[in-house]
Structure formats: C-alpha cells, structure tokens
Amino acid sequence: MNIMKEKLAILPLMTVLLTSCSVVTGIFKAGAVVGVIAVIVVIAIIIWIVSLFSRKS
C-alpha cells in the first residue's frame, strides 16, 4: 500500500516535468528554424553585395 502512495505522489511531478520537456523541445525547434532563416538571409545578402561589386567591374 505504501508503494502505491509513492507512485501516486510521483505522478503529478512526472506530468509537470514531461510538459516542461515538450515546451523546451518546441523552443529548440523554433530556434533551429530561426537559425536556418538567419543563415539564408546572411547568404543572400553576401550574394547581393558580391553581385554589386561584380557589376561595377
């Protein structure tokens, strides 16, 4: 009976921790998407600047 009470006491803690993990996972996924977009924008700007200099030559 005592083991059952311990398991029931751990259940709310597990629920909170698992929810937190999914939130952190979502944040990292969003961060990865923003990082990829930032890299694409930087590469596009570099290509644009190089094309400006190559036209003048």
N, C-alpha and C. Protein backbone atom coordinates (compact mmCIF):
# COMPACT_ATOMS: atom_id res chain seq x y z
N MET A 1 0.82 -1.20 0.00
CA MET A 1 0.00 0.00 0.00
C MET A 1 0.86 1.26 0.00
N ASN A 2 1.96 1.23 0.73
CA ASN A 2 2.84 2.38 0.81
C ASN A 2 3.49 2.68 -0.54
N ILE A 3 3.83 1.64 -1.29
CA ILE A 3 4.42 1.82 -2.61
C ILE A 3 3.43 2.49 -3.55
N MET A 4 2.18 2.14 -3.43
CA MET A 4 1.14 2.75 -4.27
C MET A 4 1.03 4.24 -4.00
N LYS A 5 1.12 4.64 -2.74
CA LYS A 5 1.06 6.06 -2.40
C LYS A 5 2.26 6.81 -2.97
N GLU A 6 3.43 6.18 -2.95
CA GLU A 6 4.62 6.81 -3.51
C GLU A 6 4.48 7.00 -5.01
N LYS A 7 3.95 5.99 -5.67
CA LYS A 7 3.75 6.10 -7.12
C LYS A 7 2.75 7.20 -7.45
N LEU A 8 1.70 7.31 -6.67
CA LEU A 8 0.70 8.36 -6.91
C LEU A 8 1.27 9.74 -6.60
N ALA A 9 2.20 9.82 -5.66
CA ALA A 9 2.81 11.10 -5.33
C ALA A 9 3.76 11.55 -6.45
N ILE A 10 4.38 10.61 -7.13
CA ILE A 10 5.32 10.94 -8.21
C ILE A 10 4.58 11.32 -9.49
N LEU A 11 3.37 10.87 -9.67
CA LEU A 11 2.63 11.11 -10.91
C LEU A 11 2.47 12.59 -11.25
N PRO A 12 2.07 13.47 -10.31
CA PRO A 12 1.97 14.89 -10.68
C PRO A 12 3.32 15.49 -11.06
N LEU A 13 4.37 15.07 -10.38
CA LEU A 13 5.70 15.56 -10.69
C LEU A 13 6.11 15.16 -12.10
N MET A 14 5.84 13.92 -12.47
CA MET A 14 6.17 13.45 -13.82
C MET A 14 5.39 14.22 -14.86
N THR A 15 4.14 14.51 -14.57
CA THR A 15 3.30 15.24 -15.52
C THR A 15 3.87 16.63 -15.78
N VAL A 16 4.30 17.31 -14.72
CA VAL A 16 4.86 18.66 -14.86
C VAL A 16 6.18 18.60 -15.62
N LEU A 17 7.03 17.64 -15.28
CA LEU A 17 8.34 17.55 -15.93
C LEU A 17 8.22 17.19 -17.40
N LEU A 18 7.35 16.29 -17.75
CA LEU A 18 7.18 15.90 -19.14
C LEU A 18 6.62 17.05 -19.96
N THR A 19 5.74 17.84 -19.38
CA THR A 19 5.21 19.01 -20.07
C THR A 19 6.32 20.02 -20.30
N SER A 20 7.16 20.21 -19.31
CA SER A 20 8.28 21.14 -19.45
C SER A 20 9.22 20.70 -20.56
N CYS A 21 9.45 19.41 -20.66
CA CYS A 21 10.34 18.89 -21.70
C CYS A 21 9.77 19.19 -23.09
N SER A 22 8.48 19.05 -23.24
CA SER A 22 7.89 19.32 -24.55
C SER A 22 7.96 20.81 -24.88
N VAL A 23 7.86 21.66 -23.86
CA VAL A 23 7.99 23.10 -24.10
C VAL A 23 9.41 23.43 -24.54
N VAL A 24 10.40 22.86 -23.86
CA VAL A 24 11.79 23.10 -24.22
C VAL A 24 12.07 22.59 -25.63
N THR A 25 11.51 21.44 -25.97
CA THR A 25 11.69 20.90 -27.32
C THR A 25 11.11 21.86 -28.36
N GLY A 26 9.96 22.41 -28.09
CA GLY A 26 9.36 23.38 -29.01
C GLY A 26 10.20 24.63 -29.17
N ILE A 27 10.79 25.09 -28.08
CA ILE A 27 11.65 26.28 -28.14
C ILE A 27 12.87 26.00 -29.00
N PHE A 28 13.49 24.82 -28.81
CA PHE A 28 14.67 24.50 -29.60
C PHE A 28 14.33 24.31 -31.07
N LYS A 29 13.17 23.75 -31.37
CA LYS A 29 12.77 23.61 -32.77
C LYS A 29 12.57 24.98 -33.40
N ALA A 30 11.93 25.88 -32.67
CA ALA A 30 11.73 27.24 -33.17
C ALA A 30 13.06 27.94 -33.36
N GLY A 31 13.99 27.72 -32.42
CA GLY A 31 15.32 28.31 -32.54
C GLY A 31 16.06 27.80 -33.75
N ALA A 32 15.91 26.53 -34.04
CA ALA A 32 16.57 25.96 -35.21
C ALA A 32 16.01 26.57 -36.49
N VAL A 33 14.71 26.75 -36.55
CA VAL A 33 14.09 27.34 -37.74
C VAL A 33 14.56 28.78 -37.91
N VAL A 34 14.60 29.54 -36.83
CA VAL A 34 15.06 30.93 -36.90
C VAL A 34 16.53 30.97 -37.33
N GLY A 35 17.33 30.04 -36.83
CA GLY A 35 18.74 29.97 -37.21
C GLY A 35 18.92 29.69 -38.68
N VAL A 36 18.14 28.77 -39.22
CA VAL A 36 18.23 28.44 -40.64
C VAL A 36 17.81 29.65 -41.48
N ILE A 37 16.76 30.32 -41.08
CA ILE A 37 16.31 31.51 -41.82
C ILE A 37 17.37 32.60 -41.77
N ALA A 38 18.00 32.78 -40.61
CA ALA A 38 19.05 33.80 -40.48
C ALA A 38 20.24 33.49 -41.39
N VAL A 39 20.62 32.23 -41.46
CA VAL A 39 21.74 31.84 -42.33
C VAL A 39 21.38 32.10 -43.79
N ILE A 40 20.17 31.78 -44.20
CA ILE A 40 19.75 32.02 -45.58
C ILE A 40 19.76 33.51 -45.90
N VAL A 41 19.30 34.33 -44.96
CA VAL A 41 19.29 35.78 -45.18
C VAL A 41 20.71 36.32 -45.30
N VAL A 42 21.61 35.86 -44.43
CA VAL A 42 23.01 36.32 -44.50
C VAL A 42 23.65 35.91 -45.82
N ILE A 43 23.42 34.69 -46.26
CA ILE A 43 23.98 34.24 -47.54
C ILE A 43 23.41 35.07 -48.69
N ALA A 44 22.12 35.37 -48.64
CA ALA A 44 21.51 36.19 -49.70
C ALA A 44 22.11 37.59 -49.72
N ILE A 45 22.37 38.16 -48.56
CA ILE A 45 22.98 39.50 -48.50
C ILE A 45 24.40 39.46 -49.05
N ILE A 46 25.15 38.43 -48.72
CA ILE A 46 26.52 38.30 -49.24
C ILE A 46 26.50 38.17 -50.76
N ILE A 47 25.60 37.36 -51.29
CA ILE A 47 25.49 37.21 -52.75
C ILE A 47 25.10 38.53 -53.40
N TRP A 48 24.21 39.28 -52.78
CA TRP A 48 23.79 40.57 -53.31
C TRP A 48 24.96 41.56 -53.34
N ILE A 49 25.75 41.59 -52.26
CA ILE A 49 26.90 42.50 -52.20
C ILE A 49 27.95 42.12 -53.25
N VAL A 50 28.19 40.82 -53.39
CA VAL A 50 29.17 40.37 -54.40
C VAL A 50 28.67 40.71 -55.80
N SER A 51 27.38 40.59 -56.05
CA SER A 51 26.87 40.93 -57.37
C SER A 51 26.96 42.43 -57.65
N LEU A 52 26.84 43.26 -56.63
CA LEU A 52 27.01 44.71 -56.81
C LEU A 52 28.44 45.04 -57.23
N PHE A 53 29.40 44.42 -56.59
CA PHE A 53 30.80 44.67 -56.93
C PHE A 53 31.17 44.08 -58.29
N SER A 54 30.58 42.98 -58.65
CA SER A 54 30.93 42.37 -59.94
C SER A 54 30.32 43.15 -61.11
N ARG A 55 29.25 43.86 -60.93
CA ARG A 55 28.65 44.67 -62.00
C ARG A 55 29.51 45.89 -62.30
N LYS A 56 30.12 46.47 -61.26
CA LYS A 56 30.92 47.68 -61.45
C LYS A 56 32.23 47.39 -62.16
N SER A 57 32.71 46.18 -62.11
CA SER A 57 34.00 45.86 -62.71
C SER A 57 33.89 45.69 -64.21
